[in-house]
PDB file of N, CA and C in Angstrom:
ATOM      1  N   MET A   1       0.806  -1.198   0.000  1.00  0.00           N
ATOM      2  CA  MET A   1       0.000   0.000   0.000  1.00  0.00           C
ATOM      3  C   MET A   1       0.851   1.265   0.000  1.00  0.00           C
ATOM      4  N   TYR A   2       1.917   1.290   0.796  1.00  0.00           N
ATOM      5  CA  TYR A   2       2.762   2.479   0.858  1.00  0.00           C
ATOM      6  C   TYR A   2       3.717   2.571  -0.324  1.00  0.00           C
ATOM      7  N   ASN A   3       3.804   1.506  -1.112  1.00  0.00           N
ATOM      8  CA  ASN A   3       4.701   1.476  -2.265  1.00  0.00           C
ATOM      9  C   ASN A   3       4.007   1.927  -3.541  1.00  0.00           C
ATOM     10  N   THR A   4       2.807   2.473  -3.430  1.00  0.00           N
ATOM     11  CA  THR A   4       2.038   2.845  -4.609  1.00  0.00           C
ATOM     12  C   THR A   4       1.825   4.349  -4.677  1.00  0.00           C
ATOM     13  N   VAL A   5       1.516   4.803  -5.890  1.00  0.00           N
ATOM     14  CA  VAL A   5       1.082   6.180  -6.122  1.00  0.00           C
ATOM     15  C   VAL A   5      -0.371   6.081  -6.552  1.00  0.00           C
ATOM     16  N   ARG A   6      -1.215   6.908  -5.974  1.00  0.00           N
ATOM     17  CA  ARG A   6      -2.645   6.849  -6.269  1.00  0.00           C
ATOM     18  C   ARG A   6      -3.128   8.181  -6.800  1.00  0.00           C
ATOM     19  N   LEU A   7      -3.946   8.121  -7.849  1.00  0.00           N
ATOM     20  CA  LEU A   7      -4.543   9.307  -8.456  1.00  0.00           C
ATOM     21  C   LEU A   7      -6.010   9.354  -8.062  1.00  0.00           C
ATOM     22  N   TRP A   8      -6.441  10.494  -7.509  1.00  0.00           N
ATOM     23  CA  TRP A   8      -7.812  10.643  -7.002  1.00  0.00           C
ATOM     24  C   TRP A   8      -8.531  11.761  -7.741  1.00  0.00           C
ATOM     25  N   ASP A   9      -9.820  11.578  -7.949  1.00  0.00           N
ATOM     26  CA  ASP A   9     -10.694  12.643  -8.434  1.00  0.00           C
ATOM     27  C   ASP A   9     -11.214  13.349  -7.190  1.00  0.00           C
ATOM     28  N   ILE A  10     -10.805  14.577  -6.964  1.00  0.00           N
ATOM     29  CA  ILE A  10     -11.181  15.265  -5.725  1.00  0.00           C
ATOM     30  C   ILE A  10     -12.646  15.698  -5.715  1.00  0.00           C
ATOM     31  N   ARG A  11     -13.256  15.790  -6.894  1.00  0.00           N
ATOM     32  CA  ARG A  11     -14.681  16.159  -6.930  1.00  0.00           C
ATOM     33  C   ARG A  11     -15.562  15.028  -6.428  1.00  0.00           C
ATOM     34  N   SER A  12     -15.244  13.803  -6.847  1.00  0.00           N
ATOM     35  CA  SER A  12     -16.064  12.649  -6.448  1.00  0.00           C
ATOM     36  C   SER A  12     -15.464  11.888  -5.265  1.00  0.00           C
ATOM     37  N   ASN A  13     -14.239  12.260  -4.886  1.00  0.00           N
ATOM     38  CA  ASN A  13     -13.530  11.588  -3.804  1.00  0.00           C
ATOM     39  C   ASN A  13     -13.328  10.102  -4.104  1.00  0.00           C
ATOM     40  N   LYS A  14     -13.081   9.803  -5.399  1.00  0.00           N
ATOM     41  CA  LYS A  14     -12.870   8.415  -5.820  1.00  0.00           C
ATOM     42  C   LYS A  14     -11.475   8.254  -6.415  1.00  0.00           C
ATOM     43  N   GLN A  15     -10.917   7.093  -6.168  1.00  0.00           N
ATOM     44  CA  GLN A  15      -9.613   6.752  -6.719  1.00  0.00           C
ATOM     45  C   GLN A  15      -9.756   6.434  -8.201  1.00  0.00           C
ATOM     46  N   ILE A  16      -8.870   6.995  -9.027  1.00  0.00           N
ATOM     47  CA  ILE A  16      -8.917   6.785 -10.474  1.00  0.00           C
ATOM     48  C   ILE A  16      -7.904   5.734 -10.916  1.00  0.00           C
ATOM     49  N   GLN A  17      -6.672   5.838 -10.418  1.00  0.00           N
ATOM     50  CA  GLN A  17      -5.591   4.933 -10.830  1.00  0.00           C
ATOM     51  C   GLN A  17      -4.721   4.574  -9.638  1.00  0.00           C
ATOM     52  N   VAL A  18      -4.080   3.426  -9.727  1.00  0.00           N
ATOM     53  CA  VAL A  18      -3.038   3.016  -8.781  1.00  0.00           C
ATOM     54  C   VAL A  18      -1.810   2.656  -9.611  1.00  0.00           C
ATOM     55  N   PHE A  19      -0.680   3.229  -9.259  1.00  0.00           N
ATOM     56  CA  PHE A  19       0.572   2.980  -9.979  1.00  0.00           C
ATOM     57  C   PHE A  19       1.494   2.174  -9.073  1.00  0.00           C
ATOM     58  N   ASN A  20       1.811   0.961  -9.509  1.00  0.00           N
ATOM     59  CA  ASN A  20       2.657   0.045  -8.750  1.00  0.00           C
ATOM     60  C   ASN A  20       4.028  -0.068  -9.401  1.00  0.00           C
ATOM     61  N   GLY A  21       5.057  -0.213  -8.592  1.00  0.00           N
ATOM     62  CA  GLY A  21       6.394  -0.386  -9.147  1.00  0.00           C
ATOM     63  C   GLY A  21       7.483  -0.071  -8.138  1.00  0.00           C
ATOM     64  N   HIS A  22       7.215   0.860  -7.247  1.00  0.00           N
ATOM     65  CA  HIS A  22       8.207   1.136  -6.206  1.00  0.00           C
ATOM     66  C   HIS A  22       8.295  -0.060  -5.268  1.00  0.00           C
ATOM     67  N   THR A  23       9.481  -0.293  -4.717  1.00  0.00           N
ATOM     68  CA  THR A  23       9.682  -1.422  -3.810  1.00  0.00           C
ATOM     69  C   THR A  23       9.797  -0.987  -2.354  1.00  0.00           C
ATOM     70  N   ASP A  24       9.623   0.303  -2.092  1.00  0.00           N
ATOM     71  CA  ASP A  24       9.633   0.828  -0.731  1.00  0.00           C
ATOM     72  C   ASP A  24       8.704   2.037  -0.683  1.00  0.00           C
ATOM     73  N   CYS A  25       8.562   2.648   0.467  1.00  0.00           N
ATOM     74  CA  CYS A  25       7.614   3.759   0.665  1.00  0.00           C
ATOM     75  C   CYS A  25       7.822   4.893  -0.327  1.00  0.00           C
ATOM     76  N   VAL A  26       6.720   5.392  -0.884  1.00  0.00           N
ATOM     77  CA  VAL A  26       6.749   6.571  -1.747  1.00  0.00           C
ATOM     78  C   VAL A  26       6.756   7.792  -0.836  1.00  0.00           C
ATOM     79  N   LEU A  27       7.743   8.669  -1.041  1.00  0.00           N
ATOM     80  CA  LEU A  27       7.921   9.833  -0.177  1.00  0.00           C
ATOM     81  C   LEU A  27       7.489  11.140  -0.822  1.00  0.00           C
ATOM     82  N   SER A  28       7.383  11.157  -2.149  1.00  0.00           N
ATOM     83  CA  SER A  28       7.011  12.398  -2.830  1.00  0.00           C
ATOM     84  C   SER A  28       6.384  12.095  -4.188  1.00  0.00           C
ATOM     85  N   ALA A  29       5.561  13.020  -4.639  1.00  0.00           N
ATOM     86  CA  ALA A  29       4.948  12.916  -5.971  1.00  0.00           C
ATOM     87  C   ALA A  29       4.798  14.324  -6.526  1.00  0.00           C
ATOM     88  N   GLU A  30       4.908  14.444  -7.828  1.00  0.00           N
ATOM     89  CA  GLU A  30       4.833  15.751  -8.478  1.00  0.00           C
ATOM     90  C   GLU A  30       4.148  15.587  -9.828  1.00  0.00           C
ATOM     91  N   TYR A  31       3.214  16.473 -10.108  1.00  0.00           N
ATOM     92  CA  TYR A  31       2.568  16.505 -11.420  1.00  0.00           C
ATOM     93  C   TYR A  31       3.542  17.141 -12.396  1.00  0.00           C
ATOM     94  N   SER A  32       3.749  16.506 -13.516  1.00  0.00           N
ATOM     95  CA  SER A  32       4.698  17.001 -14.503  1.00  0.00           C
ATOM     96  C   SER A  32       4.038  17.963 -15.470  1.00  0.00           C
ATOM     97  N   PRO A  33       4.717  19.042 -15.821  1.00  0.00           N
ATOM     98  CA  PRO A  33       4.144  19.988 -16.777  1.00  0.00           C
ATOM     99  C   PRO A  33       4.220  19.534 -18.230  1.00  0.00           C
ATOM    100  N   PHE A  34       4.876  18.403 -18.525  1.00  0.00           N
ATOM    101  CA  PHE A  34       4.946  17.979 -19.922  1.00  0.00           C
ATOM    102  C   PHE A  34       3.881  16.938 -20.240  1.00  0.00           C
ATOM    103  N   VAL A  35       3.591  16.811 -21.523  1.00  0.00           N
ATOM    104  CA  VAL A  35       2.573  15.894 -22.034  1.00  0.00           C
ATOM    105  C   VAL A  35       3.267  14.917 -22.973  1.00  0.00           C
ATOM    106  N   ILE A  36       2.845  13.651 -22.934  1.00  0.00           N
ATOM    107  CA  ILE A  36       3.410  12.647 -23.831  1.00  0.00           C
ATOM    108  C   ILE A  36       2.347  12.184 -24.823  1.00  0.00           C
ATOM    109  N   LYS A  37       2.806  11.732 -25.967  1.00  0.00           N
ATOM    110  CA  LYS A  37       1.891  11.149 -26.952  1.00  0.00           C
ATOM    111  C   LYS A  37       2.004   9.637 -26.845  1.00  0.00           C
ATOM    112  N   ASN A  38       0.856   8.969 -26.720  1.00  0.00           N
ATOM    113  CA  ASN A  38       0.835   7.515 -26.648  1.00  0.00           C
ATOM    114  C   ASN A  38      -0.218   6.976 -27.609  1.00  0.00           C
ATOM    115  N   ARG A  39      -0.474   5.677 -27.536  1.00  0.00           N
ATOM    116  CA  ARG A  39      -1.387   5.052 -28.500  1.00  0.00           C
ATOM    117  C   ARG A  39      -2.835   5.512 -28.356  1.00  0.00           C
ATOM    118  N   ILE A  40      -3.202   6.080 -27.193  1.00  0.00           N
ATOM    119  CA  ILE A  40      -4.579   6.543 -27.001  1.00  0.00           C
ATOM    120  C   ILE A  40      -4.701   8.067 -27.091  1.00  0.00           C
ATOM    121  N   GLY A  41      -3.649   8.719 -27.544  1.00  0.00           N
ATOM    122  CA  GLY A  41      -3.674  10.178 -27.676  1.00  0.00           C
ATOM    123  C   GLY A  41      -2.597  10.821 -26.835  1.00  0.00           C
ATOM    124  N   TYR A  42      -2.960  11.915 -26.201  1.00  0.00           N
ATOM    125  CA  TYR A  42      -2.017  12.629 -25.366  1.00  0.00           C
ATOM    126  C   TYR A  42      -2.352  12.405 -23.899  1.00  0.00           C
ATOM    127  N   SER A  43      -1.321  12.390 -23.070  1.00  0.00           N
ATOM    128  CA  SER A  43      -1.536  12.127 -21.654  1.00  0.00           C
ATOM    129  C   SER A  43      -0.544  12.914 -20.816  1.00  0.00           C
ATOM    130  N   ASN A  44      -0.927  13.155 -19.575  1.00  0.00           N
ATOM    131  CA  ASN A  44      -0.056  13.836 -18.633  1.00  0.00           C
ATOM    132  C   ASN A  44       0.731  12.820 -17.822  1.00  0.00           C
ATOM    133  N   VAL A  45       1.726  13.302 -17.105  1.00  0.00           N
ATOM    134  CA  VAL A  45       2.651  12.433 -16.397  1.00  0.00           C
ATOM    135  C   VAL A  45       2.738  12.844 -14.927  1.00  0.00           C
ATOM    136  N   ILE A  46       2.816  11.846 -14.059  1.00  0.00           N
ATOM    137  CA  ILE A  46       3.099  12.044 -12.642  1.00  0.00           C
ATOM    138  C   ILE A  46       4.472  11.436 -12.374  1.00  0.00           C
ATOM    139  N   CYS A  47       5.227  12.094 -11.531  1.00  0.00           N
ATOM    140  CA  CYS A  47       6.566  11.642 -11.169  1.00  0.00           C
ATOM    141  C   CYS A  47       6.550  11.331  -9.669  1.00  0.00           C
ATOM    142  N   SER A  48       7.195  10.242  -9.249  1.00  0.00           N
ATOM    143  CA  SER A  48       7.217   9.887  -7.827  1.00  0.00           C
ATOM    144  C   SER A  48       8.623   9.507  -7.389  1.00  0.00           C
ATOM    145  N   GLY A  49       8.941   9.856  -6.148  1.00  0.00           N
ATOM    146  CA  GLY A  49      10.227   9.509  -5.552  1.00  0.00           C
ATOM    147  C   GLY A  49       9.999   8.606  -4.356  1.00  0.00           C
ATOM    148  N   SER A  50      10.929   7.679  -4.116  1.00  0.00           N
ATOM    149  CA  SER A  50      10.708   6.660  -3.092  1.00  0.00           C
ATOM    150  C   SER A  50      11.955   6.394  -2.265  1.00  0.00           C
ATOM    151  N   TRP A  51      11.710   5.789  -1.113  1.00  0.00           N
ATOM    152  CA  TRP A  51      12.782   5.316  -0.255  1.00  0.00           C
ATOM    153  C   TRP A  51      13.605   4.244  -0.972  1.00  0.00           C
ATOM    154  N   ASP A  52      13.041   3.630  -2.036  1.00  0.00           N
ATOM    155  CA  ASP A  52      13.788   2.626  -2.803  1.00  0.00           C
ATOM    156  C   ASP A  52      14.846   3.260  -3.701  1.00  0.00           C
ATOM    157  N   ASN A  53      15.012   4.583  -3.591  1.00  0.00           N
ATOM    158  CA  ASN A  53      16.055   5.333  -4.299  1.00  0.00           C
ATOM    159  C   ASN A  53      15.798   5.433  -5.802  1.00  0.00           C
ATOM    160  N   THR A  54      14.520   5.438  -6.181  1.00  0.00           N
ATOM    161  CA  THR A  54      14.180   5.614  -7.595  1.00  0.00           C
ATOM    162  C   THR A  54      13.186   6.759  -7.759  1.00  0.00           C
ATOM    163  N   ILE A  55      13.224   7.342  -8.943  1.00  0.00           N
ATOM    164  CA  ILE A  55      12.210   8.288  -9.401  1.00  0.00           C
ATOM    165  C   ILE A  55      11.549   7.622 -10.590  1.00  0.00           C
ATOM    166  N   ARG A  56      10.224   7.555 -10.554  1.00  0.00           N
ATOM    167  CA  ARG A  56       9.484   6.893 -11.634  1.00  0.00           C
ATOM    168  C   ARG A  56       8.489   7.862 -12.255  1.00  0.00           C
ATOM    169  N   PHE A  57       8.314   7.730 -13.562  1.00  0.00           N
ATOM    170  CA  PHE A  57       7.389   8.566 -14.320  1.00  0.00           C
ATOM    171  C   PHE A  57       6.219   7.699 -14.753  1.00  0.00           C
ATOM    172  N   TRP A  58       4.988   8.185 -14.516  1.00  0.00           N
ATOM    173  CA  TRP A  58       3.772   7.414 -14.773  1.00  0.00           C
ATOM    174  C   TRP A  58       2.844   8.166 -15.717  1.00  0.00           C
ATOM    175  N   ASP A  59       2.245   7.458 -16.667  1.00  0.00           N
ATOM    176  CA  ASP A  59       1.216   7.991 -17.553  1.00  0.00           C
ATOM    177  C   ASP A  59      -0.104   7.949 -16.782  1.00  0.00           C
ATOM    178  N   ILE A  60      -0.768   9.100 -16.590  1.00  0.00           N
ATOM    179  CA  ILE A  60      -1.973   9.113 -15.753  1.00  0.00           C
ATOM    180  C   ILE A  60      -3.157   8.383 -16.379  1.00  0.00           C
ATOM    181  N   ARG A  61      -3.094   8.077 -17.666  1.00  0.00           N
ATOM    182  CA  ARG A  61      -4.183   7.332 -18.306  1.00  0.00           C
ATOM    183  C   ARG A  61      -4.003   5.826 -18.209  1.00  0.00           C
ATOM    184  N   SER A  62      -2.861   5.395 -17.720  1.00  0.00           N
ATOM    185  CA  SER A  62      -2.578   3.964 -17.699  1.00  0.00           C
ATOM    186  C   SER A  62      -1.992   3.583 -16.349  1.00  0.00           C
ATOM    187  N   ASN A  63      -2.412   2.467 -15.795  1.00  0.00           N
ATOM    188  CA  ASN A  63      -1.817   2.020 -14.538  1.00  0.00           C
ATOM    189  C   ASN A  63      -0.803   0.903 -14.774  1.00  0.00           C
ATOM    190  N   LYS A  64      -0.238   0.876 -15.950  1.00  0.00           N
ATOM    191  CA  LYS A  64       0.770  -0.120 -16.280  1.00  0.00           C
ATOM    192  C   LYS A  64       2.102   0.282 -15.661  1.00  0.00           C
ATOM    193  N   LYS A  65       3.167  -0.417 -16.014  1.00  0.00           N
ATOM    194  CA  LYS A  65       4.474  -0.136 -15.435  1.00  0.00           C
ATOM    195  C   LYS A  65       4.925   1.293 -15.743  1.00  0.00           C
ATOM    196  N   ALA A  66       5.895   1.756 -15.005  1.00  0.00           N
ATOM    197  CA  ALA A  66       6.411   3.121 -15.144  1.00  0.00           C
ATOM    198  C   ALA A  66       6.923   3.375 -16.560  1.00  0.00           C
ATOM    199  N   LEU A  67       6.748   4.611 -17.042  1.00  0.00           N
ATOM    200  CA  LEU A  67       7.245   5.013 -18.356  1.00  0.00           C
ATOM    201  C   LEU A  67       8.770   5.074 -18.375  1.00  0.00           C
ATOM    202  N   TYR A  68       9.311   5.533 -17.263  1.00  0.00           N
ATOM    203  CA  TYR A  68      10.756   5.750 -17.188  1.00  0.00           C
ATOM    204  C   TYR A  68      11.165   5.716 -15.721  1.00  0.00           C
ATOM    205  N   MET A  69      12.412   5.351 -15.451  1.00  0.00           N
ATOM    206  CA  MET A  69      12.897   5.309 -14.082  1.00  0.00           C
ATOM    207  C   MET A  69      14.298   5.907 -14.009  1.00  0.00           C
ATOM    208  N   ILE A  70      14.532   6.708 -12.983  1.00  0.00           N
ATOM    209  CA  ILE A  70      15.863   7.224 -12.675  1.00  0.00           C
ATOM    210  C   ILE A  70      16.281   6.561 -11.376  1.00  0.00           C
ATOM    211  N   LYS A  71      17.451   5.974 -11.356  1.00  0.00           N
ATOM    212  CA  LYS A  71      17.969   5.321 -10.152  1.00  0.00           C
ATOM    213  C   LYS A  71      18.975   6.247  -9.490  1.00  0.00           C
ATOM    214  N   GLY A  72      18.765   6.545  -8.209  1.00  0.00           N
ATOM    215  CA  GLY A  72      19.700   7.376  -7.459  1.00  0.00           C
ATOM    216  C   GLY A  72      20.964   6.614  -7.105  1.00  0.00           C
ATOM    217  N   ASP A  73      21.979   7.335  -6.709  1.00  0.00           N
ATOM    218  CA  ASP A  73      23.242   6.739  -6.288  1.00  0.00           C
ATOM    219  C   ASP A  73      23.052   6.076  -4.923  1.00  0.00           C
ATOM    220  N   GLU A  74      23.349   4.781  -4.821  1.00  0.00           N
ATOM    221  CA  GLU A  74      23.101   4.020  -3.583  1.00  0.00           C
ATOM    222  C   GLU A  74      23.874   4.572  -2.384  1.00  0.00           C
ATOM    223  N   LYS A  75      25.108   4.995  -2.578  1.00  0.00           N
ATOM    224  CA  LYS A  75      25.927   5.458  -1.462  1.00  0.00           C
ATOM    225  C   LYS A  75      25.664   6.915  -1.112  1.00  0.00           C
ATOM    226  N   ILE A  76      25.358   7.732  -2.108  1.00  0.00           N
ATOM    227  CA  ILE A  76      25.224   9.167  -1.873  1.00  0.00           C
ATOM    228  C   ILE A  76      23.779   9.584  -1.604  1.00  0.00           C
ATOM    229  N   ASP A  77      22.804   8.997  -2.285  1.00  0.00           N
ATOM    230  CA  ASP A  77      21.413   9.446  -2.154  1.00  0.00           C
ATOM    231  C   ASP A  77      20.656   8.730  -1.031  1.00  0.00           C
ATOM    232  N   ASP A  78      20.540   7.411  -1.110  1.00  0.00           N
ATOM    233  CA  ASP A  78      19.863   6.613  -0.088  1.00  0.00           C
ATOM    234  C   ASP A  78      18.391   6.974   0.099  1.00  0.00           C
ATOM    235  N   GLY A  79      17.685   7.189  -0.995  1.00  0.00           N
ATOM    236  CA  GLY A  79      16.249   7.485  -0.938  1.00  0.00           C
ATOM    237  C   GLY A  79      15.940   8.878  -1.461  1.00  0.00           C
ATOM    238  N   ILE A  80      14.886   8.997  -2.270  1.00  0.00           N
ATOM    239  CA  ILE A  80      14.463  10.277  -2.852  1.00  0.00           C
ATOM    240  C   ILE A  80      13.328  10.819  -1.996  1.00  0.00           C
ATOM    241  N   ILE A  81      13.518  11.991  -1.383  1.00  0.00           N
ATOM    242  CA  ILE A  81      12.507  12.490  -0.453  1.00  0.00           C
ATOM    243  C   ILE A  81      11.684  13.660  -0.979  1.00  0.00           C
ATOM    244  N   CYS A  82      12.165  14.360  -2.011  1.00  0.00           N
ATOM    245  CA  CYS A  82      11.361  15.452  -2.567  1.00  0.00           C
ATOM    246  C   CYS A  82      11.697  15.658  -4.040  1.00  0.00           C
ATOM    247  N   LEU A  83      10.706  16.177  -4.793  1.00  0.00           N
ATOM    248  CA  LEU A  83      10.826  16.415  -6.229  1.00  0.00           C
ATOM    249  C   LEU A  83      10.230  17.771  -6.569  1.00  0.00           C
ATOM    250  N   LYS A  84      10.776  18.413  -7.597  1.00  0.00           N
ATOM    251  CA  LYS A  84      10.184  19.656  -8.086  1.00  0.00           C
ATOM    252  C   LYS A  84      10.591  19.861  -9.538  1.00  0.00           C
ATOM    253  N   PHE A  85       9.604  20.082 -10.409  1.00  0.00           N
ATOM    254  CA  PHE A  85       9.883  20.446 -11.791  1.00  0.00           C
ATOM    255  C   PHE A  85      10.024  21.957 -11.877  1.00  0.00           C
ATOM    256  N   ILE A  86      11.019  22.411 -12.614  1.00  0.00           N
ATOM    257  CA  ILE A  86      11.239  23.837 -12.819  1.00  0.00           C
ATOM    258  C   ILE A  86      11.278  24.089 -14.319  1.00  0.00           C
ATOM    259  N   GLU A  87      10.480  25.038 -14.771  1.00  0.00           N
ATOM    260  CA  GLU A  87      10.471  25.421 -16.180  1.00  0.00           C
ATOM    261  C   GLU A  87      11.285  26.703 -16.334  1.00  0.00           C
ATOM    262  N   LEU A  88      12.313  26.632 -17.144  1.00  0.00           N
ATOM    263  CA  LEU A  88      13.133  27.797 -17.436  1.00  0.00           C
ATOM    264  C   LEU A  88      12.883  28.211 -18.874  1.00  0.00           C
ATOM    265  N   LYS A  89      12.681  29.477 -19.103  1.00  0.00           N
ATOM    266  CA  LYS A  89      12.427  29.958 -20.450  1.00  0.00           C
ATOM    267  C   LYS A  89      13.695  29.807 -21.288  1.00  0.00           C
ATOM    268  N   LYS A  90      13.540  29.219 -22.477  1.00  0.00           N
ATOM    269  CA  LYS A  90      14.682  29.005 -23.364  1.00  0.00           C
ATOM    270  C   LYS A  90      15.077  30.311 -24.036  1.00  0.00           C
ATOM    271  N   LYS A  91      16.373  30.469 -24.248  1.00  0.00           N
ATOM    272  CA  LYS A  91      16.866  31.653 -24.945  1.00  0.00           C
ATOM    273  C   LYS A  91      16.582  31.554 -26.435  1.00  0.00           C
ATOM    274  N   ASN A  92      16.767  30.370 -27.003  1.00  0.00           N
ATOM    275  CA  ASN A  92      16.533  30.150 -28.431  1.00  0.00           C
ATOM    276  C   ASN A  92      15.390  29.166 -28.600  1.00  0.00           C
ATOM    277  N   LYS A  93      14.408  29.513 -29.433  1.00  0.00           N
ATOM    278  CA  LYS A  93      13.303  28.594 -29.690  1.00  0.00           C
ATOM    279  C   LYS A  93      13.793  27.444 -30.559  1.00  0.00           C
ATOM    280  N   THR A  94      13.493  26.231 -30.145  1.00  0.00           N
ATOM    281  CA  THR A  94      13.886  25.036 -30.872  1.00  0.00           C
ATOM    282  C   THR A  94      12.671  24.141 -31.024  1.00  0.00           C
ATOM    283  N   ASN A  95      12.304  23.826 -32.254  1.00  0.00           N
ATOM    284  CA  ASN A  95      11.167  22.932 -32.519  1.00  0.00           C
ATOM    285  C   ASN A  95       9.905  23.352 -31.756  1.00  0.00           C
ATOM    286  N   ASP A  96       9.639  24.627 -31.721  1.00  0.00           N
ATOM    287  CA  ASP A  96       8.458  25.186 -31.053  1.00  0.00           C
ATOM    288  C   ASP A  96       8.433  24.922 -29.547  1.00  0.00           C
ATOM    289  N   VAL A  97       9.569  24.578 -28.959  1.00  0.00           N
ATOM    290  CA  VAL A  97       9.646  24.393 -27.511  1.00  0.00           C
ATOM    291  C   VAL A  97      10.101  25.707 -26.903  1.00  0.00           C
ATOM    292  N   LYS A  98       9.288  26.241 -26.000  1.00  0.00           N
ATOM    293  CA  LYS A  98       9.596  27.537 -25.408  1.00  0.00           C
ATOM    294  C   LYS A  98      10.290  27.419 -24.056  1.00  0.00           C
ATOM    295  N   TYR A  99      10.205  26.220 -23.421  1.00  0.00           N
ATOM    296  CA  TYR A  99      10.735  26.075 -22.078  1.00  0.00           C
ATOM    297  C   TYR A  99      11.684  24.898 -21.983  1.00  0.00           C
ATOM    298  N   ASP A 100      12.656  25.038 -21.125  1.00  0.00           N
ATOM    299  CA  ASP A 100      13.556  23.962 -20.735  1.00  0.00           C
ATOM    300  C   ASP A 100      13.001  23.393 -19.439  1.00  0.00           C
ATOM    301  N   LEU A 101      12.809  22.100 -19.374  1.00  0.00           N
ATOM    302  CA  LEU A 101      12.242  21.482 -18.187  1.00  0.00           C
ATOM    303  C   LEU A 101      13.348  20.783 -17.403  1.00  0.00           C
ATOM    304  N   THR A 102      13.434  21.093 -16.116  1.00  0.00           N
ATOM    305  CA  THR A 102      14.459  20.531 -15.248  1.00  0.00           C
ATOM    306  C   THR A 102      13.787  19.904 -14.040  1.00  0.00           C
ATOM    307  N   LEU A 103      14.256  18.732 -13.635  1.00  0.00           N
ATOM    308  CA  LEU A 103      13.761  18.071 -12.434  1.00  0.00           C
ATOM    309  C   LEU A 103      14.824  18.201 -11.353  1.00  0.00           C
ATOM    310  N   CYS A 104      14.435  18.774 -10.231  1.00  0.00           N
ATOM    311  CA  CYS A 104      15.323  18.855  -9.072  1.00  0.00           C
ATOM    312  C   CYS A 104      14.799  17.874  -8.032  1.00  0.00           C
ATOM    313  N   TYR A 105      15.704  17.163  -7.381  1.00  0.00           N
ATOM    314  CA  TYR A 105      15.255  16.255  -6.337  1.00  0.00           C
ATOM    315  C   TYR A 105      16.235  16.232  -5.173  1.00  0.00           C
ATOM    316  N   GLY A 106      15.668  15.993  -4.000  1.00  0.00           N
ATOM    317  CA  GLY A 106      16.468  15.899  -2.787  1.00  0.00           C
ATOM    318  C   GLY A 106      16.511  14.467  -2.309  1.00  0.00           C
ATOM    319  N   SER A 107      17.639  14.112  -1.702  1.00  0.00           N
ATOM    320  CA  SER A 107      17.813  12.740  -1.229  1.00  0.00           C
ATOM    321  C   SER A 107      17.920  12.696   0.289  1.00  0.00           C
ATOM    322  N   CYS A 108      17.820  11.504   0.814  1.00  0.00           N
ATOM    323  CA  CYS A 108      17.813  11.299   2.262  1.00  0.00           C
ATOM    324  C   CYS A 108      19.113  11.769   2.917  1.00  0.00           C
ATOM    325  N   LYS A 109      20.236  11.554   2.251  1.00  0.00           N
ATOM    326  CA  LYS A 109      21.523  11.919   2.838  1.00  0.00           C
ATOM    327  C   LYS A 109      21.920  13.365   2.554  1.00  0.00           C
ATOM    328  N   GLY A 110      21.053  14.125   1.879  1.00  0.00           N
ATOM    329  CA  GLY A 110      21.312  15.541   1.765  1.00  0.00           C
ATOM    330  C   GLY A 110      21.520  16.152   0.403  1.00  0.00           C
ATOM    331  N   PRO A 111      22.160  15.491  -0.566  1.00  0.00           N
ATOM    332  CA  PRO A 111      22.400  16.189  -1.829  1.00  0.00           C
ATOM    333  C   PRO A 111      21.112  16.566  -2.556  1.00  0.00           C
ATOM    334  N   ILE A 112      21.126  17.731  -3.160  1.00  0.00           N
ATOM    335  CA  ILE A 112      20.056  18.137  -4.070  1.00  0.00           C
ATOM    336  C   ILE A 112      20.616  17.998  -5.469  1.00  0.00           C
ATOM    337  N   ARG A 113      19.907  17.291  -6.317  1.00  0.00           N
ATOM    338  CA  ARG A 113      20.409  17.009  -7.664  1.00  0.00           C
ATOM    339  C   ARG A 113      19.491  17.633  -8.707  1.00  0.00           C
ATOM    340  N   ILE A 114      20.083  17.905  -9.846  1.00  0.00           N
ATOM    341  CA  ILE A 114      19.348  18.462 -10.974  1.00  0.00           C
ATOM    342  C   ILE A 114      19.478  17.480 -12.122  1.00  0.00           C
ATOM    343  N   TRP A 115      18.323  17.092 -12.686  1.00  0.00           N
ATOM    344  CA  TRP A 115      18.301  16.134 -13.797  1.00  0.00           C
ATOM    345  C   TRP A 115      17.620  16.801 -14.977  1.00  0.00           C
ATOM    346  N   ARG A 116      18.266  16.792 -16.130  1.00  0.00           N
ATOM    347  CA  ARG A 116      17.722  17.439 -17.332  1.00  0.00           C
ATOM    348  C   ARG A 116      17.558  16.434 -18.436  1.00  0.00           C
TER     349      ARG A 116
END
């Protein structure tokens, strides 16, 4: 139960999706500002960090396995405790992309990391 990420409809107070894959307690979750294209159209992404020292990306339309996983450094990180997406305005427009998206995360042993 603590190893899952759950998506809720706050209007109806009902659970919509359960995302399984973490092997230890989930400590943080963040809604991602980017959209992915999949076989059923476009979908948004949720990102979660766990005591299992991984960050996982989930398609909110599907409760299948994670889209992508980042593994933290076992000796230096020892668990992902917080996440934050930061959008920085790009200096040069490239392929109609106006923003650079950066993921910052904090770990149990202290380092704050930036993943691009």
